[in-house]
C-alpha atoms as a PDB file:
ATOM      1  CA  MET A   1       0.000   0.000   0.000  1.00  0.00           C
ATOM      2  CA  GLU A   2       2.800   2.409   0.957  1.00  0.00           C
ATOM      3  CA  ALA A   3       4.735   1.565  -2.234  1.00  0.00           C
ATOM      4  CA  ASN A   4       1.640   2.335  -4.316  1.00  0.00           C
ATOM      5  CA  LYS A   5       1.282   5.739  -2.640  1.00  0.00           C
ATOM      6  CA  GLU A   6       4.952   6.510  -3.269  1.00  0.00           C
ATOM      7  CA  ASN A   7       4.606   5.449  -6.902  1.00  0.00           C
ATOM      8  CA  GLN A   8       1.566   7.730  -7.332  1.00  0.00           C
ATOM      9  CA  GLN A   9       3.492  10.649  -5.811  1.00  0.00           C
ATOM     10  CA  SER A  10       6.415   9.916  -8.133  1.00  0.00           C
ATOM     11  CA  ILE A  11       4.080   9.954 -11.161  1.00  0.00           C
ATOM     12  CA  GLU A  12       2.488  13.228 -10.024  1.00  0.00           C
ATOM     13  CA  GLN A  13       5.916  14.753  -9.471  1.00  0.00           C
ATOM     14  CA  ALA A  14       7.093  13.677 -12.941  1.00  0.00           C
ATOM     15  CA  PHE A  15       3.871  15.009 -14.499  1.00  0.00           C
ATOM     16  CA  ASN A  16       4.312  18.347 -12.744  1.00  0.00           C
ATOM     17  CA  GLN A  17       7.945  18.604 -13.896  1.00  0.00           C
ATOM     18  CA  ALA A  18       6.731  18.159 -17.464  1.00  0.00           C
ATOM     19  CA  LEU A  19       4.025  20.755 -16.828  1.00  0.00           C
ATOM     20  CA  ASP A  20       6.648  23.204 -15.548  1.00  0.00           C
ATOM     21  CA  ALA A  21       8.682  22.614 -18.719  1.00  0.00           C
ATOM     22  CA  TYR A  22       5.545  23.222 -20.797  1.00  0.00           C
ATOM     23  CA  LYS A  23       4.742  26.458 -18.961  1.00  0.00           C
ATOM     24  CA  ALA A  24       8.321  27.622 -19.540  1.00  0.00           C
ATOM     25  CA  GLY A  25       7.872  27.044 -23.273  1.00  0.00           C
ATOM     26  CA  ASN A  26      10.102  23.947 -23.342  1.00  0.00           C
ATOM     27  CA  PHE A  27       7.569  21.931 -25.321  1.00  0.00           C
ATOM     28  CA  ALA A  28       9.986  19.251 -26.562  1.00  0.00           C
ATOM     29  CA  GLU A  29      11.150  18.565 -23.007  1.00  0.00           C
ATOM     30  CA  ALA A  30       7.537  18.366 -21.809  1.00  0.00           C
ATOM     31  CA  ALA A  31       6.654  16.052 -24.700  1.00  0.00           C
ATOM     32  CA  GLY A  32       9.498  13.693 -23.838  1.00  0.00           C
ATOM     33  CA  GLN A  33       8.563  13.546 -20.171  1.00  0.00           C
ATOM     34  CA  TRP A  34       4.866  13.110 -20.873  1.00  0.00           C
ATOM     35  CA  LEU A  35       5.585  10.421 -23.485  1.00  0.00           C
ATOM     36  CA  ALA A  36       7.368   8.286 -20.897  1.00  0.00           C
ATOM     37  CA  LEU A  37       4.442   8.663 -18.486  1.00  0.00           C
ATOM     38  CA  ALA A  38       1.856   8.154 -21.235  1.00  0.00           C
ATOM     39  CA  GLU A  39       3.455   4.910 -22.331  1.00  0.00           C
ATOM     40  CA  ASP A  40       3.149   3.718 -18.718  1.00  0.00           C
ATOM     41  CA  GLY A  41      -0.603   4.432 -18.821  1.00  0.00           C
ATOM     42  CA  CYS A  42      -0.794   7.822 -17.073  1.00  0.00           C
ATOM     43  CA  ALA A  43      -4.082   9.291 -18.371  1.00  0.00           C
ATOM     44  CA  PRO A  44      -3.266  12.980 -17.695  1.00  0.00           C
ATOM     45  CA  ALA A  45       0.052  12.537 -19.554  1.00  0.00           C
ATOM     46  CA  GLN A  46      -1.747  10.801 -22.434  1.00  0.00           C
ATOM     47  CA  ARG A  47      -4.189  13.718 -22.628  1.00  0.00           C
ATOM     48  CA  ALA A  48      -1.391  16.281 -22.442  1.00  0.00           C
ATOM     49  CA  LEU A  49       0.576  14.479 -25.150  1.00  0.00           C
ATOM     50  CA  GLY A  50      -2.531  14.406 -27.338  1.00  0.00           C
ATOM     51  CA  SER A  51      -2.841  18.175 -26.938  1.00  0.00           C
ATOM     52  CA  LEU A  52       0.796  18.649 -27.927  1.00  0.00           C
ATOM     53  CA  TYR A  53       0.232  16.628 -31.098  1.00  0.00           C
ATOM     54  CA  GLU A  54      -2.932  18.613 -31.800  1.00  0.00           C
ATOM     55  CA  ARG A  55      -1.041  21.922 -31.659  1.00  0.00           C
ATOM     56  CA  GLY A  56       2.351  20.739 -32.860  1.00  0.00           C
ATOM     57  CA  GLN A  57       4.120  21.860 -29.689  1.00  0.00           C
ATOM     58  CA  GLY A  58       7.385  20.012 -29.094  1.00  0.00           C
ATOM     59  CA  VAL A  59       6.305  17.344 -31.576  1.00  0.00           C
ATOM     60  CA  GLU A  60       5.263  17.420 -35.197  1.00  0.00           C
ATOM     61  CA  LYS A  61       1.591  18.307 -35.523  1.00  0.00           C
ATOM     62  CA  ASN A  62      -0.246  15.044 -36.125  1.00  0.00           C
ATOM     63  CA  ALA A  63      -4.023  14.674 -35.888  1.00  0.00           C
ATOM     64  CA  ALA A  64      -3.922  10.870 -35.809  1.00  0.00           C
ATOM     65  CA  ASN A  65      -1.471  10.836 -32.884  1.00  0.00           C
ATOM     66  CA  ALA A  66      -3.491  13.520 -31.087  1.00  0.00           C
ATOM     67  CA  PHE A  67      -6.596  11.389 -31.488  1.00  0.00           C
ATOM     68  CA  GLU A  68      -4.932   8.140 -30.366  1.00  0.00           C
ATOM     69  CA  TRP A  69      -3.325   9.556 -27.210  1.00  0.00           C
ATOM     70  CA  THR A  70      -6.496  11.437 -26.293  1.00  0.00           C
ATOM     71  CA  LYS A  71      -8.567   8.289 -26.826  1.00  0.00           C
ATOM     72  CA  LYS A  72      -6.308   6.317 -24.475  1.00  0.00           C
ATOM     73  CA  ALA A  73      -6.850   8.901 -21.744  1.00  0.00           C
ATOM     74  CA  ALA A  74     -10.607   9.091 -22.415  1.00  0.00           C
ATOM     75  CA  GLU A  75     -10.892   5.328 -22.109  1.00  0.00           C
ATOM     76  CA  GLN A  76      -9.451   5.713 -18.597  1.00  0.00           C
ATOM     77  CA  ASN A  77     -12.325   8.084 -17.714  1.00  0.00           C
ATOM     78  CA  ASP A  78     -10.373  11.335 -17.925  1.00  0.00           C
ATOM     79  CA  PRO A  79     -13.214  13.876 -18.412  1.00  0.00           C
ATOM     80  CA  ILE A  80     -11.066  16.459 -20.205  1.00  0.00           C
ATOM     81  CA  ALA A  81      -9.835  13.794 -22.620  1.00  0.00           C
ATOM     82  CA  MET A  82     -13.428  12.627 -23.117  1.00  0.00           C
ATOM     83  CA  PHE A  83     -14.462  16.165 -24.046  1.00  0.00           C
ATOM     84  CA  ASN A  84     -11.479  16.593 -26.376  1.00  0.00           C
ATOM     85  CA  LEU A  85     -12.216  13.247 -28.012  1.00  0.00           C
ATOM     86  CA  ALA A  86     -15.825  14.311 -28.536  1.00  0.00           C
ATOM     87  CA  CYS A  87     -14.577  17.497 -30.209  1.00  0.00           C
ATOM     88  CA  TYR A  88     -12.300  15.441 -32.480  1.00  0.00           C
ATOM     89  CA  HIS A  89     -15.249  13.263 -33.540  1.00  0.00           C
ATOM     90  CA  ASP A  90     -17.417  16.364 -33.961  1.00  0.00           C
ATOM     91  CA  LYS A  91     -14.891  18.070 -36.267  1.00  0.00           C
ATOM     92  CA  GLY A  92     -13.374  15.010 -37.915  1.00  0.00           C
ATOM     93  CA  PHE A  93      -9.919  15.747 -36.445  1.00  0.00           C
ATOM     94  CA  GLY A  94      -7.757  12.626 -36.652  1.00  0.00           C
ATOM     95  CA  VAL A  95     -10.840  10.509 -37.188  1.00  0.00           C
ATOM     96  CA  LYS A  96     -13.815  10.420 -39.543  1.00  0.00           C
ATOM     97  CA  LYS A  97     -16.422  12.973 -38.496  1.00  0.00           C
ATOM     98  CA  ASN A  98     -19.210  11.323 -36.501  1.00  0.00           C
ATOM     99  CA  GLN A  99     -21.591  13.501 -34.524  1.00  0.00           C
ATOM    100  CA  GLN A 100     -23.338  10.576 -32.808  1.00  0.00           C
ATOM    101  CA  THR A 101     -20.028   9.260 -31.467  1.00  0.00           C
ATOM    102  CA  ALA A 102     -19.187  12.823 -30.460  1.00  0.00           C
ATOM    103  CA  LEU A 103     -22.485  13.041 -28.578  1.00  0.00           C
ATOM    104  CA  THR A 104     -21.687   9.806 -26.728  1.00  0.00           C
ATOM    105  CA  TRP A 105     -18.312  11.202 -25.599  1.00  0.00           C
ATOM    106  CA  TYR A 106     -19.808  14.612 -24.686  1.00  0.00           C
ATOM    107  CA  ARG A 107     -22.351  12.845 -22.493  1.00  0.00           C
ATOM    108  CA  LYS A 108     -19.665  10.686 -20.847  1.00  0.00           C
ATOM    109  CA  ALA A 109     -17.526  13.762 -20.209  1.00  0.00           C
ATOM    110  CA  ALA A 110     -20.531  15.523 -18.647  1.00  0.00           C
ATOM    111  CA  GLU A 111     -21.303  12.523 -16.471  1.00  0.00           C
ATOM    112  CA  TYR A 112     -17.686  12.501 -15.275  1.00  0.00           C
ATOM    113  CA  GLY A 113     -17.793  16.158 -14.284  1.00  0.00           C
ATOM    114  CA  HIS A 114     -16.748  18.209 -17.315  1.00  0.00           C
ATOM    115  CA  PRO A 115     -18.688  21.515 -17.032  1.00  0.00           C
ATOM    116  CA  GLU A 116     -18.520  22.528 -20.719  1.00  0.00           C
ATOM    117  CA  ALA A 117     -19.746  19.093 -21.755  1.00  0.00           C
ATOM    118  CA  ALA A 118     -22.673  19.380 -19.322  1.00  0.00           C
ATOM    119  CA  ALA A 119     -23.559  22.822 -20.733  1.00  0.00           C
ATOM    120  CA  LEU A 120     -23.376  21.492 -24.287  1.00  0.00           C
ATOM    121  CA  ILE A 121     -25.606  18.523 -23.438  1.00  0.00           C
ATOM    122  CA  ALA A 122     -28.062  20.953 -21.830  1.00  0.00           C
ATOM    123  CA  SER A 123     -28.113  23.103 -24.952  1.00  0.00           C
ATOM    124  CA  LEU A 124     -28.656  20.108 -27.234  1.00  0.00           C
ATOM    125  CA  ILE A 125     -31.512  18.856 -25.057  1.00  0.00           C
ATOM    126  CA  GLU A 126     -33.041  22.335 -24.880  1.00  0.00           C
ATOM    127  CA  THR A 127     -33.068  22.650 -28.674  1.00  0.00           C
ATOM    128  CA  GLY A 128     -33.679  18.998 -29.506  1.00  0.00           C
ATOM    129  CA  ASP A 129     -30.566  18.886 -31.719  1.00  0.00           C
ATOM    130  CA  ARG A 130     -28.754  15.728 -32.808  1.00  0.00           C
ATOM    131  CA  GLY A 131     -31.772  13.560 -32.325  1.00  0.00           C
ATOM    132  CA  LEU A 132     -32.149  14.294 -28.620  1.00  0.00           C
ATOM    133  CA  GLU A 133     -35.649  14.678 -27.279  1.00  0.00           C
ATOM    134  CA  LYS A 134     -36.440  18.302 -26.471  1.00  0.00           C
ATOM    135  CA  ASP A 135     -36.991  18.456 -22.707  1.00  0.00           C
ATOM    136  CA  MET A 136     -36.709  21.750 -20.813  1.00  0.00           C
ATOM    137  CA  ASP A 137     -36.694  20.154 -17.373  1.00  0.00           C
ATOM    138  CA  GLU A 138     -33.804  17.876 -18.360  1.00  0.00           C
ATOM    139  CA  ALA A 139     -31.992  20.781 -20.039  1.00  0.00           C
ATOM    140  CA  VAL A 140     -32.317  22.873 -16.877  1.00  0.00           C
ATOM    141  CA  ARG A 141     -30.977  19.937 -14.839  1.00  0.00           C
ATOM    142  CA  TRP A 142     -27.869  19.754 -17.042  1.00  0.00           C
ATOM    143  CA  TYR A 143     -27.467  23.566 -16.997  1.00  0.00           C
ATOM    144  CA  GLN A 144     -27.596  23.406 -13.187  1.00  0.00           C
ATOM    145  CA  ILE A 145     -24.916  20.706 -13.134  1.00  0.00           C
ATOM    146  CA  ALA A 146     -22.714  22.788 -15.435  1.00  0.00           C
ATOM    147  CA  ALA A 147     -23.334  25.972 -13.446  1.00  0.00           C
ATOM    148  CA  ASN A 148     -22.538  24.218 -10.162  1.00  0.00           C
ATOM    149  CA  ARG A 149     -19.233  23.199 -11.727  1.00  0.00           C
ATOM    150  CA  GLY A 150     -18.434  26.807 -12.618  1.00  0.00           C
ATOM    151  CA  ASN A 151     -19.632  27.126 -16.217  1.00  0.00           C
ATOM    152  CA  VAL A 152     -20.516  30.797 -16.619  1.00  0.00           C
ATOM    153  CA  LEU A 153     -22.500  30.285 -19.828  1.00  0.00           C
ATOM    154  CA  ALA A 154     -24.744  27.782 -18.049  1.00  0.00           C
ATOM    155  CA  MET A 155     -25.215  30.278 -15.212  1.00  0.00           C
ATOM    156  CA  GLY A 156     -26.274  32.913 -17.722  1.00  0.00           C
ATOM    157  CA  ARG A 157     -28.614  30.536 -19.516  1.00  0.00           C
ATOM    158  CA  LEU A 158     -30.261  29.555 -16.230  1.00  0.00           C
ATOM    159  CA  ALA A 159     -30.726  33.223 -15.379  1.00  0.00           C
ATOM    160  CA  TRP A 160     -32.277  33.875 -18.788  1.00  0.00           C
ATOM    161  CA  LEU A 161     -34.595  30.885 -18.490  1.00  0.00           C
ATOM    162  CA  ALA A 162     -35.651  31.979 -15.002  1.00  0.00           C
ATOM    163  CA  PHE A 163     -36.265  35.515 -16.277  1.00  0.00           C
ATOM    164  CA  ARG A 164     -38.403  34.222 -19.152  1.00  0.00           C
ATOM    165  CA  ARG A 165     -40.527  32.152 -16.778  1.00  0.00           C
ATOM    166  CA  MET A 166     -41.231  35.055 -14.397  1.00  0.00           C
ATOM    167  CA  ARG A 167     -44.498  36.921 -14.498  1.00  0.00           C
ATOM    168  CA  PRO A 168     -44.377  40.694 -14.785  1.00  0.00           C
ATOM    169  CA  LEU A 169     -43.956  42.258 -11.376  1.00  0.00           C
ATOM    170  CA  PRO A 170     -46.711  44.538 -10.106  1.00  0.00           C
ATOM    171  CA  SER A 171     -45.830  48.215 -10.430  1.00  0.00           C
ATOM    172  CA  SER A 172     -46.569  48.735  -6.713  1.00  0.00           C
ATOM    173  CA  ILE A 173     -43.333  46.859  -5.886  1.00  0.00           C
ATOM    174  CA  PHE A 174     -41.357  49.656  -7.494  1.00  0.00           C
ATOM    175  CA  SER A 175     -43.318  52.579  -6.125  1.00  0.00           C
ATOM    176  CA  ARG A 176     -42.930  51.780  -2.395  1.00  0.00           C
ATOM    177  CA  PRO A 177     -39.109  51.741  -2.270  1.00  0.00           C
ATOM    178  CA  LEU A 178     -38.959  54.772  -4.525  1.00  0.00           C
ATOM    179  CA  ARG A 179     -41.379  56.680  -2.310  1.00  0.00           C
ATOM    180  CA  ALA A 180     -39.458  55.687   0.816  1.00  0.00           C
ATOM    181  CA  ALA A 181     -36.133  56.713  -0.738  1.00  0.00           C
ATOM    182  CA  THR A 182     -37.443  60.123  -1.831  1.00  0.00           C
ATOM    183  CA  GLN A 183     -38.972  60.795   1.574  1.00  0.00           C
ATOM    184  CA  ARG A 184     -35.598  60.209   3.286  1.00  0.00           C
ATOM    185  CA  ALA A 185     -33.751  62.621   1.018  1.00  0.00           C
END
């Protein structure tokens, strides 16, 4: 048990060293460090390596490699990788375009806590796009999940939906405070 904890700390430390190299603009160094971790099955390193291949940072830009490394991380339930993989399927980046497969990965990413995926699922359910049944209650549920995870667009959409559902306020609500404020002045 103790050896496993030490190994996990060692992996995290190695990942963070690669991240420091990336932040310093040493993309090739980061790619090399993440490759070693990715080959050992480290999902965050696989995702990071996929992103490097997507952008051509420290490695030659290669959509197929970006897709493959991202897929490996997504298959280990990395929500960011799941979202990225969905985007790849949606755009046909490194793989044949397939919006239904993209939808499957967006939903998985949302279920595993990715806020942008949850907001996207909410939007698709609200509009009934991509063959999803239009369901405002379910859309609001997904917007709430996304908003609770910090997605500002979902927060705004919830506010708009709440505003649209409100009845006009009686004018007397506005006259009392105004009268009281003018009397104090």
